[in-house]
Every structure is written in C-alpha cells, then in structure tokens.
PDB file of N, CA and C in Angstrom:
ATOM      1  N   MET A   1       0.849  -1.208  -0.476  1.00  0.00           N
ATOM      2  CA  MET A   1       0.114  -0.052  -0.066  1.00  0.00           C
ATOM      3  C   MET A   1       1.279   0.735  -0.039  1.00  0.00           C
ATOM      4  N   ARG A   2       2.167   1.227   0.798  1.00  0.00           N
ATOM      5  CA  ARG A   2       2.749   2.530   0.582  1.00  0.00           C
ATOM      6  C   ARG A   2       3.727   2.443  -0.339  1.00  0.00           C
ATOM      7  N   TYR A   3       3.503   1.455  -1.120  1.00  0.00           N
ATOM      8  CA  TYR A   3       3.926   1.829  -2.694  1.00  0.00           C
ATOM      9  C   TYR A   3       3.432   2.255  -3.705  1.00  0.00           C
ATOM     10  N   PHE A   4       2.239   2.099  -3.298  1.00  0.00           N
ATOM     11  CA  PHE A   4       1.186   2.497  -4.150  1.00  0.00           C
ATOM     12  C   PHE A   4       1.009   4.445  -3.963  1.00  0.00           C
ATOM     13  N   PHE A   5       0.634   4.909  -2.545  1.00  0.00           N
ATOM     14  CA  PHE A   5       0.827   5.668  -2.519  1.00  0.00           C
ATOM     15  C   PHE A   5       2.156   6.881  -2.694  1.00  0.00           C
ATOM     16  N   LYS A   6       2.675   5.962  -2.486  1.00  0.00           N
ATOM     17  CA  LYS A   6       4.523   7.144  -3.254  1.00  0.00           C
ATOM     18  C   LYS A   6       4.114   7.351  -4.028  1.00  0.00           C
ATOM     19  N   GLY A   7       4.081   6.514  -5.469  1.00  0.00           N
ATOM     20  CA  GLY A   7       3.480   6.285  -6.319  1.00  0.00           C
ATOM     21  C   GLY A   7       3.137   7.540  -6.955  1.00  0.00           C
ATOM     22  N   THR A   8       1.676   7.094  -6.684  1.00  0.00           N
ATOM     23  CA  THR A   8       1.059   8.160  -7.611  1.00  0.00           C
ATOM     24  C   THR A   8       1.574   9.545  -6.606  1.00  0.00           C
ATOM     25  N   VAL A   9       1.691   9.698  -5.807  1.00  0.00           N
ATOM     26  CA  VAL A   9       2.409  11.458  -5.164  1.00  0.00           C
ATOM     27  C   VAL A   9       3.710  11.477  -6.069  1.00  0.00           C
ATOM     28  N   LYS A  10       4.367  10.779  -6.466  1.00  0.00           N
ATOM     29  CA  LYS A  10       5.082  10.767  -7.646  1.00  0.00           C
ATOM     30  C   LYS A  10       4.909  11.805  -9.261  1.00  0.00           C
ATOM     31  N   PHE A  11       3.460  10.342  -9.151  1.00  0.00           N
ATOM     32  CA  PHE A  11       2.911  10.977 -10.442  1.00  0.00           C
ATOM     33  C   PHE A  11       1.983  12.169 -10.735  1.00  0.00           C
ATOM     34  N   ILE A  12       1.297  12.448  -9.750  1.00  0.00           N
ATOM     35  CA  ILE A  12       0.741  13.970  -9.612  1.00  0.00           C
ATOM     36  C   ILE A  12       1.899  15.090  -9.587  1.00  0.00           C
ATOM     37  N   VAL A  13       3.459  14.163  -9.187  1.00  0.00           N
ATOM     38  CA  VAL A  13       4.363  15.335  -8.890  1.00  0.00           C
ATOM     39  C   VAL A  13       5.621  15.838 -10.262  1.00  0.00           C
ATOM     40  N   SER A  14       5.292  14.798 -11.064  1.00  0.00           N
ATOM     41  CA  SER A  14       5.467  14.640 -12.141  1.00  0.00           C
ATOM     42  C   SER A  14       5.267  15.860 -13.481  1.00  0.00           C
ATOM     43  N   ASN A  15       3.643  14.975 -13.166  1.00  0.00           N
ATOM     44  CA  ASN A  15       3.265  16.427 -14.011  1.00  0.00           C
ATOM     45  C   ASN A  15       2.489  17.892 -13.103  1.00  0.00           C
ATOM     46  N   ILE A  16       3.065  18.049 -12.198  1.00  0.00           N
ATOM     47  CA  ILE A  16       2.880  19.125 -12.238  1.00  0.00           C
ATOM     48  C   ILE A  16       4.440  19.871 -12.159  1.00  0.00           C
ATOM     49  N   ALA A  17       5.351  19.343 -12.891  1.00  0.00           N
ATOM     50  CA  ALA A  17       7.050  19.384 -12.987  1.00  0.00           C
ATOM     51  C   ALA A  17       7.348  19.610 -13.913  1.00  0.00           C
ATOM     52  N   VAL A  18       6.123  20.079 -15.264  1.00  0.00           N
ATOM     53  CA  VAL A  18       6.207  19.603 -16.210  1.00  0.00           C
ATOM     54  C   VAL A  18       5.540  20.882 -16.135  1.00  0.00           C
ATOM     55  N   VAL A  19       4.579  20.402 -16.090  1.00  0.00           N
ATOM     56  CA  VAL A  19       4.237  22.564 -16.341  1.00  0.00           C
ATOM     57  C   VAL A  19       4.932  23.598 -15.770  1.00  0.00           C
ATOM     58  N   PHE A  20       5.493  23.399 -14.375  1.00  0.00           N
ATOM     59  CA  PHE A  20       6.523  24.022 -13.732  1.00  0.00           C
ATOM     60  C   PHE A  20       7.380  24.196 -14.380  1.00  0.00           C
ATOM     61  N   THR A  21       7.558  23.155 -14.854  1.00  0.00           N
ATOM     62  CA  THR A  21       8.991  23.185 -15.782  1.00  0.00           C
ATOM     63  C   THR A  21       9.150  24.814 -17.523  1.00  0.00           C
ATOM     64  N   ILE A  22       7.481  23.869 -17.802  1.00  0.00           N
ATOM     65  CA  ILE A  22       7.595  25.456 -18.649  1.00  0.00           C
ATOM     66  C   ILE A  22       7.350  26.267 -18.863  1.00  0.00           C
ATOM     67  N   MET A  23       6.503  26.665 -18.069  1.00  0.00           N
ATOM     68  CA  MET A  23       6.210  28.036 -16.492  1.00  0.00           C
ATOM     69  C   MET A  23       8.569  28.319 -16.526  1.00  0.00           C
ATOM     70  N   LEU A  24       8.816  27.915 -16.357  1.00  0.00           N
ATOM     71  CA  LEU A  24      10.088  28.293 -15.868  1.00  0.00           C
ATOM     72  C   LEU A  24      11.344  27.939 -17.200  1.00  0.00           C
ATOM     73  N   LEU A  25      10.452  27.685 -18.635  1.00  0.00           N
ATOM     74  CA  LEU A  25      11.687  28.943 -19.538  1.00  0.00           C
ATOM     75  C   LEU A  25      12.041  29.566 -19.479  1.00  0.00           C
ATOM     76  N   PRO A  26      11.964  30.630 -19.624  1.00  0.00           N
ATOM     77  CA  PRO A  26      12.177  32.314 -19.765  1.00  0.00           C
ATOM     78  C   PRO A  26      13.687  32.198 -18.248  1.00  0.00           C
ATOM     79  N   VAL A  27      13.214  30.913 -17.316  1.00  0.00           N
ATOM     80  CA  VAL A  27      13.899  31.997 -16.525  1.00  0.00           C
ATOM     81  C   VAL A  27      15.120  30.928 -16.444  1.00  0.00           C
ATOM     82  N   PHE A  28      15.375  29.945 -17.430  1.00  0.00           N
ATOM     83  CA  PHE A  28      16.568  28.999 -17.781  1.00  0.00           C
ATOM     84  C   PHE A  28      17.313  29.705 -18.891  1.00  0.00           C
ATOM     85  N   LEU A  29      16.987  30.495 -19.729  1.00  0.00           N
ATOM     86  CA  LEU A  29      17.016  31.321 -20.585  1.00  0.00           C
ATOM     87  C   LEU A  29      18.384  32.060 -20.354  1.00  0.00           C
ATOM     88  N   ILE A  30      18.609  32.600 -18.885  1.00  0.00           N
ATOM     89  CA  ILE A  30      19.417  33.168 -18.451  1.00  0.00           C
ATOM     90  C   ILE A  30      20.594  32.722 -17.364  1.00  0.00           C
ATOM     91  N   THR A  31      19.824  31.527 -16.785  1.00  0.00           N
ATOM     92  CA  THR A  31      20.263  31.056 -15.594  1.00  0.00           C
ATOM     93  C   THR A  31      20.415  28.554 -15.707  1.00  0.00           C
ATOM     94  N   ASP A  32      20.627  28.803 -15.552  1.00  0.00           N
ATOM     95  CA  ASP A  32      20.650  27.681 -14.687  1.00  0.00           C
ATOM     96  C   ASP A  32      20.727  26.176 -13.746  1.00  0.00           C
ATOM     97  N   THR A  33      20.590  28.131 -12.630  1.00  0.00           N
ATOM     98  CA  THR A  33      20.866  27.049 -10.961  1.00  0.00           C
ATOM     99  C   THR A  33      19.289  27.740 -10.641  1.00  0.00           C
ATOM    100  N   VAL A  34      18.171  26.565 -10.265  1.00  0.00           N
ATOM    101  CA  VAL A  34      17.104  27.406  -9.992  1.00  0.00           C
ATOM    102  C   VAL A  34      17.041  25.499  -8.864  1.00  0.00           C
ATOM    103  N   PRO A  35      16.582  26.886  -7.384  1.00  0.00           N
ATOM    104  CA  PRO A  35      17.126  25.901  -6.387  1.00  0.00           C
ATOM    105  C   PRO A  35      15.820  24.650  -6.164  1.00  0.00           C
ATOM    106  N   VAL A  36      14.982  25.830  -7.045  1.00  0.00           N
ATOM    107  CA  VAL A  36      13.853  24.803  -6.412  1.00  0.00           C
ATOM    108  C   VAL A  36      13.021  23.291  -6.972  1.00  0.00           C
ATOM    109  N   PHE A  37      13.814  24.048  -8.587  1.00  0.00           N
ATOM    110  CA  PHE A  37      13.625  23.141  -9.975  1.00  0.00           C
ATOM    111  C   PHE A  37      15.047  22.028  -9.717  1.00  0.00           C
ATOM    112  N   ASP A  38      15.870  22.436  -8.316  1.00  0.00           N
ATOM    113  CA  ASP A  38      16.338  21.508  -8.503  1.00  0.00           C
ATOM    114  C   ASP A  38      15.959  20.395  -7.028  1.00  0.00           C
ATOM    115  N   GLU A  39      15.163  20.672  -6.316  1.00  0.00           N
ATOM    116  CA  GLU A  39      14.720  20.037  -4.940  1.00  0.00           C
ATOM    117  C   GLU A  39      13.567  19.338  -5.855  1.00  0.00           C
ATOM    118  N   LEU A  40      12.933  19.539  -6.873  1.00  0.00           N
ATOM    119  CA  LEU A  40      11.841  18.568  -7.290  1.00  0.00           C
ATOM    120  C   LEU A  40      12.661  17.394  -8.132  1.00  0.00           C
ATOM    121  N   MET A  41      12.748  18.104  -8.925  1.00  0.00           N
ATOM    122  CA  MET A  41      13.550  17.293  -9.950  1.00  0.00           C
ATOM    123  C   MET A  41      14.670  15.841  -8.621  1.00  0.00           C
ATOM    124  N   SER A  42      14.821  16.435  -7.746  1.00  0.00           N
ATOM    125  CA  SER A  42      15.993  15.165  -6.649  1.00  0.00           C
ATOM    126  C   SER A  42      15.159  14.398  -5.861  1.00  0.00           C
ATOM    127  N   PHE A  43      13.753  14.480  -5.764  1.00  0.00           N
ATOM    128  CA  PHE A  43      12.551  13.890  -5.165  1.00  0.00           C
ATOM    129  C   PHE A  43      12.187  13.639  -6.591  1.00  0.00           C
ATOM    130  N   LEU A  44      12.280  13.639  -7.207  1.00  0.00           N
ATOM    131  CA  LEU A  44      10.805  13.131  -8.534  1.00  0.00           C
ATOM    132  C   LEU A  44      12.215  11.506  -8.771  1.00  0.00           C
ATOM    133  N   PHE A  45      13.391  12.086  -9.284  1.00  0.00           N
ATOM    134  CA  PHE A  45      14.683  11.031 -10.016  1.00  0.00           C
ATOM    135  C   PHE A  45      15.448   9.906  -8.441  1.00  0.00           C
ATOM    136  N   ASP A  46      15.243  10.331  -7.860  1.00  0.00           N
ATOM    137  CA  ASP A  46      15.600   9.821  -5.887  1.00  0.00           C
ATOM    138  C   ASP A  46      15.070   8.346  -5.877  1.00  0.00           C
ATOM    139  N   ASN A  47      15.717   7.574  -5.882  1.00  0.00           N
ATOM    140  CA  ASN A  47      15.143   6.511  -6.214  1.00  0.00           C
ATOM    141  C   ASN A  47      15.615   5.522  -4.827  1.00  0.00           C
ATOM    142  N   HIS A  48      15.728   6.325  -3.917  1.00  0.00           N
ATOM    143  CA  HIS A  48      16.022   5.460  -2.211  1.00  0.00           C
ATOM    144  C   HIS A  48      14.509   4.440  -1.289  1.00  0.00           C
ATOM    145  N   ASN A  49      14.962   3.364  -1.128  1.00  0.00           N
ATOM    146  CA  ASN A  49      13.542   3.528  -1.041  1.00  0.00           C
ATOM    147  C   ASN A  49      12.701   3.680   0.748  1.00  0.00           C
ATOM    148  N   THR A  50      13.178   3.883   0.920  1.00  0.00           N
ATOM    149  CA  THR A  50      12.167   4.297   2.428  1.00  0.00           C
ATOM    150  C   THR A  50      10.967   4.616   2.905  1.00  0.00           C
TER     151      THR A  50
END
C-alpha cells in the first residue's frame, strides 16, 4: 500500500513538474540554477526506498 501511495504522489508531482518547467523556460534562458527546480527533480528521481 505504501508503494502505491508513493507512486501516486510521484505521478502527480511529475505532472506538476512538467507544467512548472514550461513556466520556467524564460528563467532557464538566463540561468541554469533554480534551487526549487533542483529540489523537485531530486525528489522525483531519488531512488531511495524509504
């Protein structure tokens, strides 16, 4: 049940991340360091099974 919940949360967050990335495209033209984006990607692609 815990894996189902974590998978559902990551699915929702990944869809939000796509929209967030599209909104940040002008920012990425100026700089490549956006701490909030880095934290979000770290959450999505971190493979720790805790």
